[in-house]
Amino acid sequence: MDFGVVYTQEQELFRKEVRAWLEDNVPEEMKVPYDEANYTSEMHEFWKQKQNELGKKGWLFSTYKEEDGGGGLSPDHRSVIEEEFREYRAMRPITSTYTVDVLSVWANDDQKDKFLRPLLQGEKFEHMRMTEPHSGADLADYRGKAVRDGDDWILNGENVFISAHGDEDFFPGPMHTDENAPRHRNLGYFVVPNPSPGLEVREMDLLPGRRQKHITMTNVRIPGDHLIGGETQGWQVHGTHLEAEHGGGGSSLGRDELIDNLTTYVQEKNTDGAESVDSVKQNTTVDAYLESHVDSMLGKRAYWRYQAGLGNTYEGNVHNVHNRVGGLRNSVRVRDVMGPYALLNADDERAPHGGMEEVDQRSSAGQRHAGGSTNIAKVILARRIGISRTKERPAPTPKG
């Protein structure tokens, strides 16, 4: 059964427009490399400029409200943009949709003009900061402190494993605001300008690359209007972020390039006659393809429900758990089928597909901890489907 999206004639014409823009505006040397280590400062400056162009066209955050600075387009138009940009290896928003969701729901009108509109238009950029050295992404045990000083706030704390470039305009995230309040009622959510006196951003040299940052705040003073929501509403405000990061928005992308390349690799090996792939590895490839297809279906279901305003009860969380577990299984399958070739990086001319497999092998396990570990994802799913002692309801999102 074919579950692919059937686009209208108008949407296919729009696809041609997007494709033509990419061909006219993105030279080959500016395409986003598979390995972040090969993403140069020249590429970064190029894509920062293009983000503003895309924002003006309404293609950067295509489904967000026009009055806030978004494109006001349909979910299917967004799918077309995502498909074409991914195929062309073009940069999607530098700014996270998670932060945009938070500001769309919780910011007042003045804050939307100050923060949301320039982000949606690609005039400014941000990266959220959550993880602390002592507790990972356990926001209920957050220790970075914000203390009121007149109309301002003084911030002290640090964050690690922040996947930022370092030159973003804002670092939004929670801070501890009330030592006497109980968990979940003791946080505020702040938009921290970068640069700011006392704010230091350092590079972390890790196995997946050097994009991860260590952010330190020492007596950083920010204005009172940089607090989003109430001063003890940070947990609820950040819930909007976590709702999306834990799968609430789903995914419209149907193609899994890693597994498509694996399938092509096996087919080519079996047709050139020089080196065929045995039946065990062929079956492993089929398992990988089926796993990927199931993940695509789960993501599309959650995406449809979210964009249709039907709410997210558990569908996005099912996709989140499957994507984490199934993605790791498929990384193992790629290595089992391709052997040492899956470990050759982009600098080796023998590396298949530009070294994509090596990047996946190096980063796949660690990425299962992004946005909380897989175990946390399972706990959230258990709460949503009613088999946990604790019940959980979805956080507010731009779609309701």
Protein backbone atom coordinates (compact mmCIF):
# COMPACT_ATOMS: atom_id res chain seq x y z
CA MET A 1 0.00 0.00 0.00
CA ASP A 2 1.31 3.44 -0.97
CA PHE A 3 1.07 5.95 1.87
CA GLY A 4 2.91 8.67 -0.02
CA VAL A 5 1.55 12.22 -0.06
CA VAL A 6 -0.37 13.09 -3.22
CA TYR A 7 0.35 16.70 -4.07
CA THR A 8 -1.94 18.99 -6.04
CA GLN A 9 -0.97 20.53 -9.36
CA GLU A 10 -0.45 23.87 -7.62
CA GLN A 11 1.84 22.25 -5.04
CA GLU A 12 3.88 20.53 -7.76
CA LEU A 13 4.30 23.92 -9.46
CA PHE A 14 5.44 25.27 -6.13
CA ARG A 15 7.97 22.42 -5.96
CA LYS A 16 9.40 23.54 -9.29
CA GLU A 17 9.67 27.09 -7.94
CA VAL A 18 11.55 25.88 -4.86
CA ARG A 19 13.84 23.68 -6.94
CA ALA A 20 14.60 26.52 -9.34
CA TRP A 21 15.45 28.83 -6.43
CA LEU A 22 17.88 26.25 -5.04
CA GLU A 23 19.56 25.76 -8.40
CA ASP A 24 19.93 29.52 -8.88
CA ASN A 25 21.04 30.40 -5.35
CA VAL A 26 23.00 27.50 -3.87
CA PRO A 27 26.36 26.71 -5.51
CA GLU A 28 27.77 23.21 -5.16
CA GLU A 29 30.49 24.28 -2.74
CA MET A 30 27.89 25.68 -0.33
CA LYS A 31 25.84 22.51 0.02
CA VAL A 32 25.74 21.28 3.61
CA PRO A 33 28.28 18.45 4.11
CA TYR A 34 27.36 15.21 5.85
CA ASP A 35 30.13 15.74 8.40
CA GLU A 36 29.74 18.90 10.49
CA ALA A 37 33.53 19.06 10.73
CA ASN A 38 33.53 20.06 7.05
CA TYR A 39 31.00 22.86 7.56
CA THR A 40 33.17 25.93 7.06
CA SER A 41 32.82 29.48 8.34
CA GLU A 42 32.25 30.56 4.71
CA MET A 43 29.30 28.16 4.49
CA HIS A 44 27.93 29.46 7.76
CA GLU A 45 28.03 33.10 6.67
CA PHE A 46 26.50 32.15 3.32
CA TRP A 47 23.58 30.36 4.95
CA LYS A 48 22.99 33.12 7.50
CA GLN A 49 22.44 35.48 4.59
CA LYS A 50 20.19 33.00 2.79
CA GLN A 51 18.10 32.53 5.93
CA ASN A 52 17.02 36.16 5.70
CA GLU A 53 16.14 35.75 2.01
CA LEU A 54 14.09 32.67 2.81
CA GLY A 55 12.37 34.46 5.69
CA LYS A 56 11.23 37.24 3.37
CA LYS A 57 9.85 34.65 0.94
CA GLY A 58 7.97 32.90 3.74
CA TRP A 59 9.90 29.67 3.24
CA LEU A 60 11.98 29.68 6.41
CA PHE A 61 9.16 29.00 8.88
CA SER A 62 6.53 28.40 6.26
CA THR A 63 3.53 27.32 8.36
CA TYR A 64 3.79 29.93 11.12
CA LYS A 65 1.43 32.92 11.19
CA GLU A 66 2.10 35.70 8.72
CA GLU A 67 1.29 38.33 11.34
CA ASP A 68 4.16 36.97 13.45
CA GLY A 69 6.59 36.88 10.51
CA GLY A 70 6.01 33.34 9.25
CA GLY A 71 4.98 32.20 5.79
CA GLY A 72 1.34 31.29 6.44
CA LEU A 73 1.61 28.35 4.03
CA SER A 74 -0.06 24.95 4.27
CA PRO A 75 1.54 21.84 5.83
CA ASP A 76 1.85 20.31 2.35
CA HIS A 77 3.78 23.34 1.12
CA ARG A 78 6.09 22.92 4.08
CA SER A 79 6.57 19.26 3.15
CA VAL A 80 7.54 20.28 -0.38
CA ILE A 81 10.12 22.75 0.95
CA GLU A 82 11.57 20.17 3.38
CA GLU A 83 11.80 17.51 0.67
CA GLU A 84 13.51 19.75 -1.86
CA PHE A 85 15.95 21.29 0.61
CA ARG A 86 16.92 17.89 1.98
CA GLU A 87 17.42 16.48 -1.52
CA TYR A 88 19.59 19.47 -2.45
CA ARG A 89 21.51 19.39 0.88
CA ALA A 90 20.44 22.95 1.63
CA MET A 91 20.32 24.43 5.12
CA ARG A 92 16.96 24.57 6.87
CA PRO A 93 16.39 27.08 9.69
CA ILE A 94 19.40 27.75 11.90
CA THR A 95 16.90 28.77 14.56
CA SER A 96 15.14 25.88 16.28
CA THR A 97 11.41 25.41 15.74
CA TYR A 98 11.25 24.48 19.44
CA THR A 99 12.07 28.03 20.52
CA VAL A 100 9.76 29.47 17.88
CA ASP A 101 6.96 27.31 19.31
CA VAL A 102 7.66 28.61 22.83
CA LEU A 103 7.57 32.24 21.75
CA SER A 104 4.47 31.70 19.59
CA VAL A 105 2.56 30.36 22.59
CA TRP A 106 3.95 32.25 25.59
CA ALA A 107 5.43 35.58 24.45
CA ASN A 108 3.36 38.76 24.74
CA ASP A 109 2.91 41.04 21.72
CA ASP A 110 5.95 43.20 22.54
CA GLN A 111 8.12 40.10 23.03
CA LYS A 112 6.91 38.66 19.73
CA ASP A 113 8.01 41.83 17.98
CA LYS A 114 11.34 41.79 19.83
CA PHE A 115 12.21 38.09 19.56
CA LEU A 116 9.79 36.02 17.46
CA ARG A 117 9.46 38.13 14.32
CA PRO A 118 13.23 38.56 13.70
CA LEU A 119 13.72 34.81 14.25
CA LEU A 120 10.95 33.87 11.82
CA GLN A 121 12.32 36.33 9.28
CA GLY A 122 15.88 35.03 9.54
CA GLU A 123 17.15 38.41 10.74
CA LYS A 124 18.38 36.95 14.03
CA PHE A 125 19.25 33.44 15.24
CA GLU A 126 19.12 31.49 18.48
CA HIS A 127 19.96 28.19 20.07
CA MET A 128 18.27 26.83 23.17
CA ARG A 129 20.36 25.92 26.20
CA MET A 130 19.21 23.22 28.59
CA THR A 131 21.75 20.58 29.61
CA GLU A 132 23.76 21.31 32.76
CA PRO A 133 26.99 19.51 33.77
CA HIS A 134 25.58 17.90 36.92
CA SER A 135 22.24 16.52 35.74
CA GLY A 136 22.05 16.33 31.99
CA ALA A 137 18.65 17.41 30.72
CA ASP A 138 16.80 16.95 34.03
CA LEU A 139 15.12 20.34 34.09
CA ALA A 140 13.43 19.60 37.40
CA ASP A 141 16.90 19.65 38.98
CA TYR A 142 18.02 22.85 37.29
CA ARG A 143 20.65 24.81 39.25
CA GLY A 144 21.44 27.85 37.13
CA LYS A 145 20.03 30.81 39.06
CA ALA A 146 18.26 34.02 38.10
CA VAL A 147 17.96 36.69 40.80
CA ARG A 148 15.84 39.79 40.36
CA ASP A 149 17.69 43.11 40.67
CA GLY A 150 15.25 45.98 40.24
CA ASP A 151 13.73 45.63 36.77
CA ASP A 152 16.56 43.34 35.63
CA TRP A 153 17.64 39.76 36.29
CA ILE A 154 21.15 38.57 37.18
CA LEU A 155 21.96 35.12 35.77
CA ASN A 156 24.61 32.65 36.94
CA GLY A 157 25.01 29.11 35.63
CA GLU A 158 26.43 26.94 32.90
CA ASN A 159 25.26 24.65 30.12
CA VAL A 160 27.08 21.93 28.19
CA PHE A 161 26.58 19.96 24.96
CA ILE A 162 24.82 22.93 23.37
CA SER A 163 24.71 22.30 19.61
CA ALA A 164 25.24 25.94 18.67
CA HIS A 165 27.62 27.69 16.31
CA GLY A 166 28.40 30.23 19.01
CA ASP A 167 27.43 33.40 17.15
CA GLU A 168 23.68 33.15 17.72
CA ASP A 169 21.87 36.29 18.89
CA PHE A 170 19.97 34.58 21.72
CA PHE A 171 20.39 31.60 24.04
CA PRO A 172 16.91 30.95 25.48
CA GLY A 173 16.30 28.50 28.30
CA PRO A 174 15.25 27.97 31.93
CA MET A 175 16.80 29.35 35.11
CA HIS A 176 16.07 28.67 38.78
CA THR A 177 14.11 31.67 40.16
CA ASP A 178 12.68 30.60 43.54
CA GLU A 179 14.64 28.46 46.03
CA ASN A 180 11.61 28.03 48.26
CA ALA A 181 9.18 26.86 45.60
CA PRO A 182 8.59 23.15 44.83
CA ARG A 183 9.89 21.40 41.72
CA HIS A 184 8.10 22.45 38.53
CA ARG A 185 7.18 25.77 40.15
CA ASN A 186 10.65 27.21 40.65
CA LEU A 187 11.86 28.05 37.14
CA GLY A 188 11.67 31.00 34.80
CA TYR A 189 12.32 30.96 31.05
CA PHE A 190 14.75 33.63 29.83
CA VAL A 191 16.00 34.82 26.45
CA VAL A 192 19.70 35.60 27.00
CA PRO A 193 21.28 38.00 24.45
CA ASN A 194 24.60 37.03 22.89
CA PRO A 195 27.03 38.68 23.36
CA SER A 196 26.47 39.86 26.92
CA PRO A 197 28.99 40.87 29.62
CA GLY A 198 29.74 37.74 31.66
CA LEU A 199 28.55 35.33 28.95
CA GLU A 200 31.26 32.98 27.65
CA VAL A 201 30.83 30.40 24.86
CA ARG A 202 33.55 27.75 24.52
CA GLU A 203 33.99 24.93 22.04
CA MET A 204 33.82 21.29 23.17
CA ASP A 205 35.99 18.86 21.22
CA LEU A 206 33.88 15.67 21.15
CA LEU A 207 33.70 12.49 19.09
CA PRO A 208 30.81 13.69 16.87
CA GLY A 209 32.62 17.01 16.21
CA ARG A 210 33.32 20.43 17.65
CA ARG A 211 29.97 22.14 17.25
CA GLN A 212 28.94 21.41 20.85
CA LYS A 213 29.43 24.39 23.14
CA HIS A 214 29.98 25.05 26.84
CA ILE A 215 28.12 28.20 27.89
CA THR A 216 29.02 29.96 31.15
CA MET A 217 27.03 32.85 32.63
CA THR A 218 28.67 34.89 35.39
CA ASN A 219 26.53 37.76 36.68
CA VAL A 220 24.90 38.24 33.29
CA ARG A 221 22.40 41.10 33.53
CA ILE A 222 19.34 41.00 31.27
CA PRO A 223 16.24 43.23 31.13
CA GLY A 224 12.99 42.11 32.73
CA ASP A 225 11.22 41.80 29.37
CA HIS A 226 13.53 38.90 28.48
CA LEU A 227 11.53 36.69 30.86
CA ILE A 228 8.92 34.72 28.88
CA GLY A 229 5.82 33.88 30.93
CA GLY A 230 5.71 34.26 34.71
CA GLU A 231 8.84 34.10 36.83
CA THR A 232 7.87 30.63 38.14
CA GLN A 233 6.23 29.37 34.93
CA GLY A 234 9.44 28.18 33.29
CA TRP A 235 8.56 24.50 33.55
CA GLN A 236 5.23 25.07 31.81
CA VAL A 237 6.78 27.37 29.21
CA HIS A 238 9.52 24.90 28.46
CA GLY A 239 6.90 22.16 28.21
CA THR A 240 5.94 23.62 24.83
CA HIS A 241 9.54 23.12 23.69
CA LEU A 242 9.68 19.57 25.06
CA GLU A 243 6.34 18.66 23.48
CA ALA A 244 7.88 19.23 20.06
CA GLU A 245 11.30 17.78 20.87
CA HIS A 246 9.70 14.59 22.15
CA GLY A 247 7.99 14.04 18.82
CA GLY A 248 4.81 16.08 19.14
CA GLY A 249 5.13 17.71 15.73
CA GLY A 250 5.93 14.54 13.86
CA SER A 251 7.83 14.53 10.59
CA SER A 252 6.67 14.88 7.01
CA LEU A 253 9.88 13.58 5.47
CA GLY A 254 9.44 10.13 3.96
CA ARG A 255 12.91 9.53 2.58
CA ASP A 256 15.66 8.00 4.70
CA GLU A 257 18.83 8.73 2.75
CA LEU A 258 20.99 6.44 4.86
CA ILE A 259 18.80 3.41 4.19
CA ASP A 260 18.15 4.37 0.57
CA ASN A 261 21.92 4.42 0.08
CA LEU A 262 22.26 1.05 1.80
CA THR A 263 19.67 -0.44 -0.55
CA THR A 264 21.43 1.02 -3.57
CA TYR A 265 24.78 -0.26 -2.29
CA VAL A 266 23.48 -3.83 -2.06
CA GLN A 267 21.76 -3.66 -5.45
CA GLU A 268 24.89 -2.39 -7.16
CA LYS A 269 27.05 -5.04 -5.51
CA ASN A 270 24.72 -7.73 -6.81
CA THR A 271 24.61 -6.45 -10.38
CA ASP A 272 28.21 -5.57 -11.16
CA GLY A 273 29.26 -9.20 -10.74
CA ALA A 274 32.52 -8.36 -8.99
CA GLU A 275 31.41 -8.65 -5.37
CA SER A 276 27.93 -9.86 -4.52
CA VAL A 277 26.18 -9.50 -1.16
CA ASP A 278 25.11 -12.76 0.49
CA SER A 279 21.51 -13.60 1.39
CA VAL A 280 21.98 -12.84 5.10
CA LYS A 281 23.07 -9.29 4.37
CA GLN A 282 20.28 -8.92 1.84
CA ASN A 283 17.77 -9.89 4.53
CA THR A 284 19.40 -7.43 6.92
CA THR A 285 18.97 -4.71 4.32
CA VAL A 286 15.28 -5.58 3.94
CA ASP A 287 14.89 -5.36 7.73
CA ALA A 288 16.51 -1.92 7.67
CA TYR A 289 14.21 -0.77 4.88
CA LEU A 290 11.09 -1.96 6.73
CA GLU A 291 12.25 -0.35 9.98
CA SER A 292 12.78 2.93 8.16
CA HIS A 293 9.39 2.72 6.44
CA VAL A 294 7.59 2.12 9.75
CA ASP A 295 9.35 5.13 11.25
CA SER A 296 8.30 7.26 8.29
CA MET A 297 4.67 6.22 8.72
CA LEU A 298 4.68 6.99 12.45
CA GLY A 299 6.24 10.40 11.80
CA LYS A 300 3.72 11.28 9.09
CA ARG A 301 0.81 10.29 11.31
CA ALA A 302 2.01 12.58 14.10
CA TYR A 303 2.74 15.37 11.60
CA TRP A 304 -0.76 15.16 10.15
CA ARG A 305 -2.44 15.21 13.54
CA TYR A 306 -0.36 18.16 14.70
CA GLN A 307 -0.84 20.27 11.57
CA ALA A 308 -4.58 19.47 11.52
CA GLY A 309 -4.90 20.76 15.09
CA LEU A 310 -6.08 17.38 16.40
CA GLY A 311 -3.70 17.44 19.34
CA ASN A 312 -1.05 14.95 20.35
CA THR A 313 -2.09 12.28 22.80
CA TYR A 314 0.62 9.67 22.27
CA GLU A 315 1.27 9.48 18.51
CA GLY A 316 4.30 11.76 18.49
CA ASN A 317 5.79 9.95 21.46
CA VAL A 318 5.42 6.58 19.71
CA HIS A 319 7.35 8.03 16.78
CA ASN A 320 9.98 9.48 19.11
CA VAL A 321 10.64 6.15 20.84
CA HIS A 322 10.66 4.18 17.60
CA ASN A 323 12.95 6.67 15.90
CA ARG A 324 15.48 6.41 18.72
CA VAL A 325 15.42 2.63 19.01
CA GLY A 326 14.87 1.82 15.35
CA GLY A 327 17.47 4.32 14.21
CA LEU A 328 20.11 2.70 16.39
CA ARG A 329 19.14 -0.76 15.12
CA ASN A 330 19.53 0.48 11.57
CA SER A 331 22.96 1.93 12.30
CA VAL A 332 24.04 -1.55 13.41
CA ARG A 333 22.49 -3.06 10.27
CA VAL A 334 24.38 -0.64 8.03
CA ARG A 335 27.64 -1.65 9.70
CA ASP A 336 26.77 -5.36 9.46
CA VAL A 337 26.08 -5.10 5.72
CA MET A 338 28.79 -2.68 4.62
CA GLY A 339 31.49 -3.79 7.04
CA PRO A 340 34.61 -1.57 7.23
CA TYR A 341 33.33 0.60 4.38
CA ALA A 342 30.78 2.04 6.80
CA LEU A 343 33.70 3.38 8.87
CA LEU A 344 35.46 5.29 6.08
CA ASN A 345 35.12 9.06 6.41
CA ALA A 346 34.70 11.69 3.73
CA ASP A 347 38.47 12.11 3.31
CA ASP A 348 38.82 8.54 2.02
CA GLU A 349 38.05 8.15 -1.69
CA ARG A 350 36.77 4.63 -1.01
CA ALA A 351 34.05 5.93 1.32
CA PRO A 352 30.58 5.24 -0.11
CA HIS A 353 28.16 8.15 -0.40
CA GLY A 354 30.59 10.82 0.73
CA GLY A 355 31.21 9.22 4.10
CA MET A 356 27.61 9.52 5.29
CA GLU A 357 27.74 6.09 6.93
CA GLU A 358 30.82 6.96 8.99
CA VAL A 359 29.14 10.10 10.32
CA ASP A 360 26.11 8.03 11.31
CA GLN A 361 28.24 5.38 13.00
CA ARG A 362 30.07 8.03 15.00
CA SER A 363 27.04 10.01 16.10
CA SER A 364 24.05 7.64 16.19
CA ALA A 365 24.44 6.40 19.77
CA GLY A 366 25.00 9.85 21.22
CA GLN A 367 22.07 11.34 19.33
CA ARG A 368 19.74 8.95 21.16
CA HIS A 369 20.37 11.13 24.22
CA ALA A 370 19.35 14.39 22.53
CA GLY A 371 16.27 15.85 24.20
CA GLY A 372 16.54 13.35 27.04
CA SER A 373 17.58 9.71 26.89
CA THR A 374 15.62 6.90 25.25
CA ASN A 375 14.52 5.76 28.70
CA ILE A 376 13.00 9.18 29.34
CA ALA A 377 11.18 8.95 26.01
CA LYS A 378 9.76 5.58 27.07
CA VAL A 379 8.60 6.99 30.42
CA ILE A 380 6.80 9.84 28.64
CA LEU A 381 5.14 7.38 26.27
CA ALA A 382 4.05 5.20 29.20
CA ARG A 383 2.42 8.21 30.83
CA ARG A 384 0.63 9.17 27.62
CA ILE A 385 -0.86 5.73 27.01
CA GLY A 386 -1.90 5.29 30.64
CA ILE A 387 0.36 2.50 31.89
CA SER A 388 2.37 4.65 34.29
CA ARG A 389 1.55 5.66 37.84
CA THR A 390 1.84 9.26 36.65
CA LYS A 391 -0.47 10.71 34.03
CA GLU A 392 0.73 13.40 31.66
CA ARG A 393 -1.13 15.67 29.30
CA PRO A 394 0.29 17.45 26.27
CA ALA A 395 1.71 20.94 26.67
CA PRO A 396 0.23 23.86 24.68
CA THR A 397 1.60 24.30 21.16
CA PRO A 398 1.05 26.82 18.34
CA LYS A 399 -1.54 24.41 16.95
CA GLY A 400 -3.50 24.21 20.21
